Amino acid sequence: DGEEDLEGEDEPSVFTGERIDVLDFEMEGNKYKQIRYFRKGISKSQYIAADLIKKIVEVNK
């Protein structure tokens, strides 16, 4: 599991899954983090502008 603090947000975004990958991604000169998470054999991705991310924390429960 992982948490991500975003600029301007009071609560962190939380991603859960058996596995979570955080990848650097650049498109049209803009830098993003690709958060790819896997649950029950299905993967989903979310792209977040890198400058909005304050920190990324791994949480093991």
Protein backbone atom coordinates (compact mmCIF):
# COMPACT_ATOMS: atom_id res chain seq x y z
CA ASP A 1 0.00 0.00 0.00
CA GLY A 2 1.15 3.54 -0.56
CA GLU A 3 0.25 7.12 0.28
CA GLU A 4 0.93 10.23 -1.71
CA ASP A 5 0.67 13.84 -0.45
CA LEU A 6 -0.43 16.30 -3.13
CA GLU A 7 -0.03 20.07 -3.10
CA GLY A 8 -3.32 21.78 -2.26
CA GLU A 9 -4.92 18.60 -0.86
CA ASP A 10 -5.64 18.13 2.84
CA GLU A 11 -5.66 14.34 2.75
CA PRO A 12 -3.13 12.08 1.01
CA SER A 13 -4.14 9.99 -1.97
CA VAL A 14 -4.00 6.31 -0.99
CA PHE A 15 -3.37 3.51 -3.47
CA THR A 16 -3.81 -0.12 -2.44
CA GLY A 17 -2.92 -3.34 -4.20
CA GLU A 18 -0.77 -6.43 -4.23
CA ARG A 19 1.90 -4.39 -6.01
CA ILE A 20 2.35 -0.67 -6.70
CA ASP A 21 4.85 0.74 -9.20
CA VAL A 22 5.81 4.42 -9.34
CA LEU A 23 7.35 5.41 -12.66
CA ASP A 24 8.68 8.69 -14.04
CA PHE A 25 6.90 9.73 -17.23
CA GLU A 26 7.32 12.76 -19.49
CA MET A 27 4.81 13.93 -22.09
CA GLU A 28 5.01 17.14 -24.12
CA GLY A 29 7.71 18.49 -21.80
CA ASN A 30 5.65 17.92 -18.64
CA LYS A 31 6.89 15.50 -15.97
CA TYR A 32 4.47 13.07 -14.35
CA LYS A 33 4.54 10.15 -11.96
CA GLN A 34 2.68 7.10 -13.20
CA ILE A 35 1.16 5.25 -10.26
CA ARG A 36 0.42 1.72 -11.45
CA TYR A 37 -1.33 -0.56 -8.97
CA PHE A 38 -2.36 -4.18 -9.25
CA ARG A 39 -5.40 -5.72 -7.57
CA LYS A 40 -6.67 -9.25 -8.17
CA GLY A 41 -4.64 -9.55 -11.38
CA ILE A 42 -5.92 -6.26 -12.86
CA SER A 43 -3.71 -3.19 -13.19
CA LYS A 44 -4.81 0.43 -13.23
CA SER A 45 -2.72 3.55 -13.75
CA GLN A 46 -3.02 7.14 -12.67
CA TYR A 47 -0.83 9.99 -13.91
CA ILE A 48 -0.09 12.86 -11.53
CA ALA A 49 1.96 15.94 -12.37
CA ALA A 50 5.31 15.48 -10.61
CA ASP A 51 5.35 19.04 -9.22
CA LEU A 52 2.10 18.37 -7.30
CA ILE A 53 3.62 15.50 -5.31
CA LYS A 54 5.12 16.46 -1.95
CA LYS A 55 6.16 12.95 -0.89
CA ILE A 56 5.50 9.28 -1.52
CA VAL A 57 5.40 6.88 1.42
CA GLU A 58 5.16 3.09 1.44
CA VAL A 59 2.79 1.76 4.10
CA ASN A 60 2.89 -1.95 4.95
CA LYS A 61 -0.15 -3.18 6.84
